[in-house]
């Protein structure tokens, strides 16, 4: 989950801005943020050569959304021209 949503959860109880942010954040937005976080962790593990962590991230991604594993598989392929 995005650290911004966690912070907003605390602020939502006491501020109008926090309540507004929580009201406007959709499940799809939160899911996209989490997928982006996993991709970032995958990128970092790949760059550091941490193969065990790569496997754990892939297993977790599969449990969340099997299509996300396909995105991870194609992560560092060059873009088609």
PDB file of N, CA and C in Angstrom:
ATOM      1  N   UNK A   1       0.841  -1.180   0.000  1.00  0.00           N
ATOM      2  CA  UNK A   1       0.000   0.000   0.000  1.00  0.00           C
ATOM      3  C   UNK A   1       0.881   1.236   0.000  1.00  0.00           C
ATOM      4  N   UNK A   2       0.417   2.239  -0.663  1.00  0.00           N
ATOM      5  CA  UNK A   2       1.164   3.483  -0.761  1.00  0.00           C
ATOM      6  C   UNK A   2       1.362   4.126   0.607  1.00  0.00           C
ATOM      7  N   UNK A   3       2.559   4.630   0.895  1.00  0.00           N
ATOM      8  CA  UNK A   3       2.756   5.319   2.170  1.00  0.00           C
ATOM      9  C   UNK A   3       1.908   6.580   2.271  1.00  0.00           C
ATOM     10  N   UNK A   4       1.517   7.128   1.130  1.00  0.00           N
ATOM     11  CA  UNK A   4       0.668   8.314   1.149  1.00  0.00           C
ATOM     12  C   UNK A   4      -0.725   7.980   1.679  1.00  0.00           C
ATOM     13  N   UNK A   5      -1.222   6.799   1.352  1.00  0.00           N
ATOM     14  CA  UNK A   5      -2.528   6.409   1.863  1.00  0.00           C
ATOM     15  C   UNK A   5      -2.470   6.133   3.358  1.00  0.00           C
ATOM     16  N   UNK A   6      -1.374   5.560   3.813  1.00  0.00           N
ATOM     17  CA  UNK A   6      -1.242   5.320   5.247  1.00  0.00           C
ATOM     18  C   UNK A   6      -1.212   6.650   5.991  1.00  0.00           C
ATOM     19  N   UNK A   7      -0.470   7.596   5.484  1.00  0.00           N
ATOM     20  CA  UNK A   7      -0.423   8.911   6.100  1.00  0.00           C
ATOM     21  C   UNK A   7      -1.799   9.552   6.068  1.00  0.00           C
ATOM     22  N   UNK A   8      -2.487   9.423   4.955  1.00  0.00           N
ATOM     23  CA  UNK A   8      -3.813  10.010   4.844  1.00  0.00           C
ATOM     24  C   UNK A   8      -4.806   9.353   5.780  1.00  0.00           C
ATOM     25  N   UNK A   9      -4.593   8.072   6.072  1.00  0.00           N
ATOM     26  CA  UNK A   9      -5.486   7.410   7.006  1.00  0.00           C
ATOM     27  C   UNK A   9      -5.416   8.093   8.363  1.00  0.00           C
ATOM     28  N   UNK A  10      -4.222   8.485   8.754  1.00  0.00           N
ATOM     29  CA  UNK A  10      -4.068   9.206  10.011  1.00  0.00           C
ATOM     30  C   UNK A  10      -4.677  10.593   9.920  1.00  0.00           C
ATOM     31  N   UNK A  11      -4.437  11.270   8.802  1.00  0.00           N
ATOM     32  CA  UNK A  11      -4.947  12.627   8.629  1.00  0.00           C
ATOM     33  C   UNK A  11      -6.452  12.665   8.397  1.00  0.00           C
ATOM     34  N   UNK A  12      -7.007  11.596   7.855  1.00  0.00           N
ATOM     35  CA  UNK A  12      -8.427  11.591   7.517  1.00  0.00           C
ATOM     36  C   UNK A  12      -9.313  11.799   8.735  1.00  0.00           C
ATOM     37  N   UNK A  13      -8.859  11.368   9.865  1.00  0.00           N
ATOM     38  CA  UNK A  13      -9.661  11.507  11.073  1.00  0.00           C
ATOM     39  C   UNK A  13      -9.648  12.936  11.608  1.00  0.00           C
ATOM     40  N   UNK A  14      -8.651  13.720  11.212  1.00  0.00           N
ATOM     41  CA  UNK A  14      -8.507  15.035  11.826  1.00  0.00           C
ATOM     42  C   UNK A  14      -8.524  16.200  10.857  1.00  0.00           C
ATOM     43  N   UNK A  15      -8.381  15.957   9.546  1.00  0.00           N
ATOM     44  CA  UNK A  15      -8.324  17.079   8.611  1.00  0.00           C
ATOM     45  C   UNK A  15      -9.286  16.873   7.447  1.00  0.00           C
ATOM     46  N   UNK A  16      -9.754  17.976   6.914  1.00  0.00           N
ATOM     47  CA  UNK A  16     -10.626  17.912   5.738  1.00  0.00           C
ATOM     48  C   UNK A  16      -9.866  17.421   4.521  1.00  0.00           C
ATOM     49  N   UNK A  17      -8.612  17.837   4.387  1.00  0.00           N
ATOM     50  CA  UNK A  17      -7.800  17.404   3.254  1.00  0.00           C
ATOM     51  C   UNK A  17      -7.618  15.883   3.276  1.00  0.00           C
ATOM     52  N   UNK A  18      -7.352  15.326   4.433  1.00  0.00           N
ATOM     53  CA  UNK A  18      -7.197  13.876   4.555  1.00  0.00           C
ATOM     54  C   UNK A  18      -8.478  13.142   4.215  1.00  0.00           C
ATOM     55  N   UNK A  19      -9.607  13.641   4.701  1.00  0.00           N
ATOM     56  CA  UNK A  19     -10.891  13.009   4.386  1.00  0.00           C
ATOM     57  C   UNK A  19     -11.179  13.080   2.889  1.00  0.00           C
ATOM     58  N   UNK A  20     -10.864  14.216   2.265  1.00  0.00           N
ATOM     59  CA  UNK A  20     -11.089  14.374   0.838  1.00  0.00           C
ATOM     60  C   UNK A  20     -10.212  13.412   0.040  1.00  0.00           C
ATOM     61  N   UNK A  21      -8.959  13.292   0.401  1.00  0.00           N
ATOM     62  CA  UNK A  21      -8.043  12.379  -0.298  1.00  0.00           C
ATOM     63  C   UNK A  21      -8.530  10.943  -0.191  1.00  0.00           C
ATOM     64  N   UNK A  22      -8.917  10.530   0.994  1.00  0.00           N
ATOM     65  CA  UNK A  22      -9.399   9.150   1.181  1.00  0.00           C
ATOM     66  C   UNK A  22     -10.681   8.916   0.393  1.00  0.00           C
ATOM     67  N   UNK A  23     -11.547   9.909   0.332  1.00  0.00           N
ATOM     68  CA  UNK A  23     -12.805   9.750  -0.393  1.00  0.00           C
ATOM     69  C   UNK A  23     -12.570   9.628  -1.892  1.00  0.00           C
ATOM     70  N   UNK A  24     -11.523  10.260  -2.401  1.00  0.00           N
ATOM     71  CA  UNK A  24     -11.264  10.259  -3.838  1.00  0.00           C
ATOM     72  C   UNK A  24     -10.343   9.140  -4.299  1.00  0.00           C
ATOM     73  N   UNK A  25      -9.714   8.436  -3.401  1.00  0.00           N
ATOM     74  CA  UNK A  25      -8.819   7.339  -3.782  1.00  0.00           C
ATOM     75  C   UNK A  25      -9.648   6.091  -4.036  1.00  0.00           C
ATOM     76  N   UNK A  26      -9.561   5.586  -5.256  1.00  0.00           N
ATOM     77  CA  UNK A  26     -10.310   4.391  -5.617  1.00  0.00           C
ATOM     78  C   UNK A  26      -9.471   3.140  -5.348  1.00  0.00           C
ATOM     79  N   UNK A  27     -10.134   2.018  -5.353  1.00  0.00           N
ATOM     80  CA  UNK A  27      -9.423   0.748  -5.200  1.00  0.00           C
ATOM     81  C   UNK A  27      -8.457   0.566  -6.364  1.00  0.00           C
ATOM     82  N   UNK A  28      -8.868   0.970  -7.553  1.00  0.00           N
ATOM     83  CA  UNK A  28      -7.992   0.851  -8.731  1.00  0.00           C
ATOM     84  C   UNK A  28      -6.738   1.708  -8.552  1.00  0.00           C
ATOM     85  N   UNK A  29      -6.902   2.920  -8.022  1.00  0.00           N
ATOM     86  CA  UNK A  29      -5.739   3.781  -7.776  1.00  0.00           C
ATOM     87  C   UNK A  29      -4.784   3.135  -6.778  1.00  0.00           C
ATOM     88  N   UNK A  30      -5.332   2.599  -5.706  1.00  0.00           N
ATOM     89  CA  UNK A  30      -4.496   1.955  -4.689  1.00  0.00           C
ATOM     90  C   UNK A  30      -3.801   0.727  -5.263  1.00  0.00           C
ATOM     91  N   UNK A  31      -4.502  -0.037  -6.102  1.00  0.00           N
ATOM     92  CA  UNK A  31      -3.911  -1.224  -6.731  1.00  0.00           C
ATOM     93  C   UNK A  31      -2.788  -0.836  -7.680  1.00  0.00           C
ATOM     94  N   UNK A  32      -3.012   0.228  -8.457  1.00  0.00           N
ATOM     95  CA  UNK A  32      -1.970   0.701  -9.372  1.00  0.00           C
ATOM     96  C   UNK A  32      -0.740   1.174  -8.612  1.00  0.00           C
ATOM     97  N   UNK A  33      -0.959   1.878  -7.511  1.00  0.00           N
ATOM     98  CA  UNK A  33       0.168   2.340  -6.693  1.00  0.00           C
ATOM     99  C   UNK A  33       0.958   1.162  -6.150  1.00  0.00           C
ATOM    100  N   UNK A  34       0.248   0.124  -5.717  1.00  0.00           N
ATOM    101  CA  UNK A  34       0.923  -1.042  -5.157  1.00  0.00           C
ATOM    102  C   UNK A  34       1.689  -1.803  -6.239  1.00  0.00           C
ATOM    103  N   UNK A  35       1.090  -1.923  -7.427  1.00  0.00           N
ATOM    104  CA  UNK A  35       1.790  -2.586  -8.539  1.00  0.00           C
ATOM    105  C   UNK A  35       3.054  -1.813  -8.899  1.00  0.00           C
ATOM    106  N   UNK A  36       2.961  -0.495  -8.912  1.00  0.00           N
ATOM    107  CA  UNK A  36       4.143   0.328  -9.212  1.00  0.00           C
ATOM    108  C   UNK A  36       5.223   0.140  -8.156  1.00  0.00           C
ATOM    109  N   UNK A  37       4.811  -0.001  -6.905  1.00  0.00           N
ATOM    110  CA  UNK A  37       5.773  -0.232  -5.820  1.00  0.00           C
ATOM    111  C   UNK A  37       6.470  -1.582  -6.014  1.00  0.00           C
ATOM    112  N   UNK A  38       5.713  -2.620  -6.369  1.00  0.00           N
ATOM    113  CA  UNK A  38       6.311  -3.938  -6.609  1.00  0.00           C
ATOM    114  C   UNK A  38       7.290  -3.903  -7.782  1.00  0.00           C
ATOM    115  N   UNK A  39       6.920  -3.191  -8.839  1.00  0.00           N
ATOM    116  CA  UNK A  39       7.807  -3.084  -9.997  1.00  0.00           C
ATOM    117  C   UNK A  39       9.094  -2.373  -9.606  1.00  0.00           C
ATOM    118  N   UNK A  40       8.990  -1.342  -8.777  1.00  0.00           N
ATOM    119  CA  UNK A  40      10.185  -0.639  -8.300  1.00  0.00           C
ATOM    120  C   UNK A  40      11.077  -1.540  -7.457  1.00  0.00           C
ATOM    121  N   UNK A  41      10.464  -2.349  -6.594  1.00  0.00           N
ATOM    122  CA  UNK A  41      11.244  -3.284  -5.781  1.00  0.00           C
ATOM    123  C   UNK A  41      11.898  -4.340  -6.664  1.00  0.00           C
ATOM    124  N   UNK A  42      11.180  -4.783  -7.697  1.00  0.00           N
ATOM    125  CA  UNK A  42      11.729  -5.758  -8.634  1.00  0.00           C
ATOM    126  C   UNK A  42      12.933  -5.171  -9.369  1.00  0.00           C
ATOM    127  N   UNK A  43      12.800  -3.924  -9.823  1.00  0.00           N
ATOM    128  CA  UNK A  43      13.896  -3.234 -10.514  1.00  0.00           C
ATOM    129  C   UNK A  43      15.130  -3.164  -9.626  1.00  0.00           C
ATOM    130  N   UNK A  44      14.940  -2.793  -8.360  1.00  0.00           N
ATOM    131  CA  UNK A  44      16.065  -2.678  -7.429  1.00  0.00           C
ATOM    132  C   UNK A  44      16.724  -4.033  -7.172  1.00  0.00           C
ATOM    133  N   UNK A  45      15.902  -5.076  -6.997  1.00  0.00           N
ATOM    134  CA  UNK A  45      16.448  -6.416  -6.756  1.00  0.00           C
ATOM    135  C   UNK A  45      17.183  -6.936  -7.988  1.00  0.00           C
ATOM    136  N   UNK A  46      16.648  -6.638  -9.170  1.00  0.00           N
ATOM    137  CA  UNK A  46      17.294  -7.055 -10.417  1.00  0.00           C
ATOM    138  C   UNK A  46      18.646  -6.366 -10.581  1.00  0.00           C
ATOM    139  N   UNK A  47      18.690  -5.086 -10.298  1.00  0.00           N
ATOM    140  CA  UNK A  47      19.943  -4.329 -10.426  1.00  0.00           C
ATOM    141  C   UNK A  47      20.994  -4.817  -9.440  1.00  0.00           C
ATOM    142  N   UNK A  48      20.557  -5.273  -8.265  1.00  0.00           N
ATOM    143  CA  UNK A  48      21.484  -5.742  -7.233  1.00  0.00           C
ATOM    144  C   UNK A  48      21.801  -7.233  -7.372  1.00  0.00           C
ATOM    145  N   UNK A  49      21.127  -7.924  -8.297  1.00  0.00           N
ATOM    146  CA  UNK A  49      21.379  -9.350  -8.492  1.00  0.00           C
ATOM    147  C   UNK A  49      20.841 -10.231  -7.378  1.00  0.00           C
ATOM    148  N   UNK A  50      19.809  -9.780  -6.688  1.00  0.00           N
ATOM    149  CA  UNK A  50      19.226 -10.552  -5.582  1.00  0.00           C
ATOM    150  C   UNK A  50      18.143 -11.485  -6.130  1.00  0.00           C
ATOM    151  N   UNK A  51      18.567 -12.648  -6.585  1.00  0.00           N
ATOM    152  CA  UNK A  51      17.654 -13.576  -7.252  1.00  0.00           C
ATOM    153  C   UNK A  51      16.599 -14.139  -6.309  1.00  0.00           C
ATOM    154  N   UNK A  52      16.940 -14.356  -5.062  1.00  0.00           N
ATOM    155  CA  UNK A  52      15.957 -14.881  -4.111  1.00  0.00           C
ATOM    156  C   UNK A  52      14.821 -13.872  -3.910  1.00  0.00           C
ATOM    157  N   UNK A  53      15.183 -12.606  -3.782  1.00  0.00           N
ATOM    158  CA  UNK A  53      14.165 -11.568  -3.616  1.00  0.00           C
ATOM    159  C   UNK A  53      13.307 -11.431  -4.881  1.00  0.00           C
ATOM    160  N   UNK A  54      13.937 -11.599  -6.049  1.00  0.00           N
ATOM    161  CA  UNK A  54      13.177 -11.562  -7.301  1.00  0.00           C
ATOM    162  C   UNK A  54      12.088 -12.633  -7.297  1.00  0.00           C
ATOM    163  N   UNK A  55      12.427 -13.818  -6.851  1.00  0.00           N
ATOM    164  CA  UNK A  55      11.453 -14.904  -6.781  1.00  0.00           C
ATOM    165  C   UNK A  55      10.321 -14.607  -5.823  1.00  0.00           C
ATOM    166  N   UNK A  56      10.652 -14.034  -4.679  1.00  0.00           N
ATOM    167  CA  UNK A  56       9.615 -13.680  -3.707  1.00  0.00           C
ATOM    168  C   UNK A  56       8.674 -12.609  -4.255  1.00  0.00           C
ATOM    169  N   UNK A  57       9.236 -11.629  -4.929  1.00  0.00           N
ATOM    170  CA  UNK A  57       8.416 -10.563  -5.512  1.00  0.00           C
ATOM    171  C   UNK A  57       7.509 -11.135  -6.592  1.00  0.00           C
ATOM    172  N   UNK A  58       8.053 -12.026  -7.419  1.00  0.00           N
ATOM    173  CA  UNK A  58       7.240 -12.646  -8.478  1.00  0.00           C
ATOM    174  C   UNK A  58       6.110 -13.482  -7.883  1.00  0.00           C
ATOM    175  N   UNK A  59       6.397 -14.244  -6.832  1.00  0.00           N
ATOM    176  CA  UNK A  59       5.350 -15.041  -6.175  1.00  0.00           C
ATOM    177  C   UNK A  59       4.251 -14.139  -5.612  1.00  0.00           C
ATOM    178  N   UNK A  60       4.665 -13.051  -4.998  1.00  0.00           N
ATOM    179  CA  UNK A  60       3.700 -12.114  -4.420  1.00  0.00           C
ATOM    180  C   UNK A  60       2.880 -11.447  -5.524  1.00  0.00           C
ATOM    181  N   UNK A  61       3.536 -11.050  -6.600  1.00  0.00           N
ATOM    182  CA  UNK A  61       2.837 -10.418  -7.721  1.00  0.00           C
ATOM    183  C   UNK A  61       1.812 -11.382  -8.320  1.00  0.00           C
ATOM    184  N   UNK A  62       2.179 -12.654  -8.440  1.00  0.00           N
ATOM    185  CA  UNK A  62       1.253 -13.650  -8.993  1.00  0.00           C
ATOM    186  C   UNK A  62       0.018 -13.797  -8.107  1.00  0.00           C
ATOM    187  N   UNK A  63       0.220 -13.748  -6.792  1.00  0.00           N
ATOM    188  CA  UNK A  63      -0.907 -13.873  -5.876  1.00  0.00           C
ATOM    189  C   UNK A  63      -1.857 -12.676  -5.985  1.00  0.00           C
ATOM    190  N   UNK A  64      -1.303 -11.515  -6.303  1.00  0.00           N
ATOM    191  CA  UNK A  64      -2.128 -10.317  -6.427  1.00  0.00           C
ATOM    192  C   UNK A  64      -2.823 -10.265  -7.783  1.00  0.00           C
ATOM    193  N   UNK A  65      -2.034 -10.453  -8.850  1.00  0.00           N
ATOM    194  CA  UNK A  65      -2.549 -10.364 -10.210  1.00  0.00           C
ATOM    195  C   UNK A  65      -1.595 -11.116 -11.137  1.00  0.00           C
ATOM    196  N   UNK A  66      -2.008 -12.265 -11.654  1.00  0.00           N
ATOM    197  CA  UNK A  66      -1.119 -13.043 -12.515  1.00  0.00           C
ATOM    198  C   UNK A  66      -0.586 -12.256 -13.719  1.00  0.00           C
ATOM    199  N   UNK A  67      -1.337 -11.289 -14.210  1.00  0.00           N
ATOM    200  CA  UNK A  67      -0.863 -10.479 -15.335  1.00  0.00           C
ATOM    201  C   UNK A  67       0.317  -9.593 -14.947  1.00  0.00           C
ATOM    202  N   UNK A  68       0.432  -9.292 -13.675  1.00  0.00           N
ATOM    203  CA  UNK A  68       1.544  -8.474 -13.211  1.00  0.00           C
ATOM    204  C   UNK A  68       2.876  -9.198 -13.404  1.00  0.00           C
ATOM    205  N   UNK A  69       2.867 -10.517 -13.334  1.00  0.00           N
ATOM    206  CA  UNK A  69       4.080 -11.302 -13.559  1.00  0.00           C
ATOM    207  C   UNK A  69       4.561 -11.115 -15.001  1.00  0.00           C
ATOM    208  N   UNK A  70       3.624 -11.019 -15.938  1.00  0.00           N
ATOM    209  CA  UNK A  70       4.001 -10.766 -17.330  1.00  0.00           C
ATOM    210  C   UNK A  70       4.696  -9.415 -17.467  1.00  0.00           C
ATOM    211  N   UNK A  71       4.220  -8.426 -16.733  1.00  0.00           N
ATOM    212  CA  UNK A  71       4.874  -7.119 -16.767  1.00  0.00           C
ATOM    213  C   UNK A  71       6.286  -7.203 -16.192  1.00  0.00           C
ATOM    214  N   UNK A  72       6.447  -7.985 -15.133  1.00  0.00           N
ATOM    215  CA  UNK A  72       7.778  -8.151 -14.552  1.00  0.00           C
ATOM    216  C   UNK A  72       8.705  -8.888 -15.520  1.00  0.00           C
ATOM    217  N   UNK A  73       8.165  -9.876 -16.232  1.00  0.00           N
ATOM    218  CA  UNK A  73       8.982 -10.621 -17.192  1.00  0.00           C
ATOM    219  C   UNK A  73       9.526  -9.707 -18.291  1.00  0.00           C
ATOM    220  N   UNK A  74       8.738  -8.743 -18.699  1.00  0.00           N
ATOM    221  CA  UNK A  74       9.162  -7.859 -19.758  1.00  0.00           C
ATOM    222  C   UNK A  74       9.751  -6.551 -19.263  1.00  0.00           C
ATOM    223  N   UNK A  75      10.075  -6.502 -17.985  1.00  0.00           N
ATOM    224  CA  UNK A  75      10.504  -5.248 -17.368  1.00  0.00           C
ATOM    225  C   UNK A  75      11.710  -4.620 -18.031  1.00  0.00           C
ATOM    226  N   UNK A  76      12.769  -5.379 -18.249  1.00  0.00           N
ATOM    227  CA  UNK A  76      13.988  -4.746 -18.772  1.00  0.00           C
ATOM    228  C   UNK A  76      14.252  -5.076 -20.243  1.00  0.00           C
ATOM    229  N   UNK A  77      13.206  -5.464 -20.964  1.00  0.00           N
ATOM    230  CA  UNK A  77      13.347  -5.620 -22.412  1.00  0.00           C
ATOM    231  C   UNK A  77      13.316  -4.244 -23.057  1.00  0.00           C
ATOM    232  N   UNK A  78      14.113  -4.028 -24.098  1.00  0.00           N
ATOM    233  CA  UNK A  78      14.051  -2.737 -24.775  1.00  0.00           C
ATOM    234  C   UNK A  78      12.702  -2.531 -25.450  1.00  0.00           C
ATOM    235  N   UNK A  79      12.262  -1.299 -25.489  1.00  0.00           N
ATOM    236  CA  UNK A  79      10.979  -0.990 -26.119  1.00  0.00           C
ATOM    237  C   UNK A  79      11.080  -1.201 -27.621  1.00  0.00           C
ATOM    238  N   UNK A  80       9.979  -1.631 -28.204  1.00  0.00           N
ATOM    239  CA  UNK A  80       9.952  -1.815 -29.654  1.00  0.00           C
ATOM    240  C   UNK A  80       9.869  -0.448 -30.337  1.00  0.00           C
ATOM    241  N   UNK A  81      10.547  -0.351 -31.449  1.00  0.00           N
ATOM    242  CA  UNK A  81      10.566   0.937 -32.168  1.00  0.00           C
ATOM    243  C   UNK A  81       9.334   1.087 -33.019  1.00  0.00           C
TER     244      UNK A  81
END
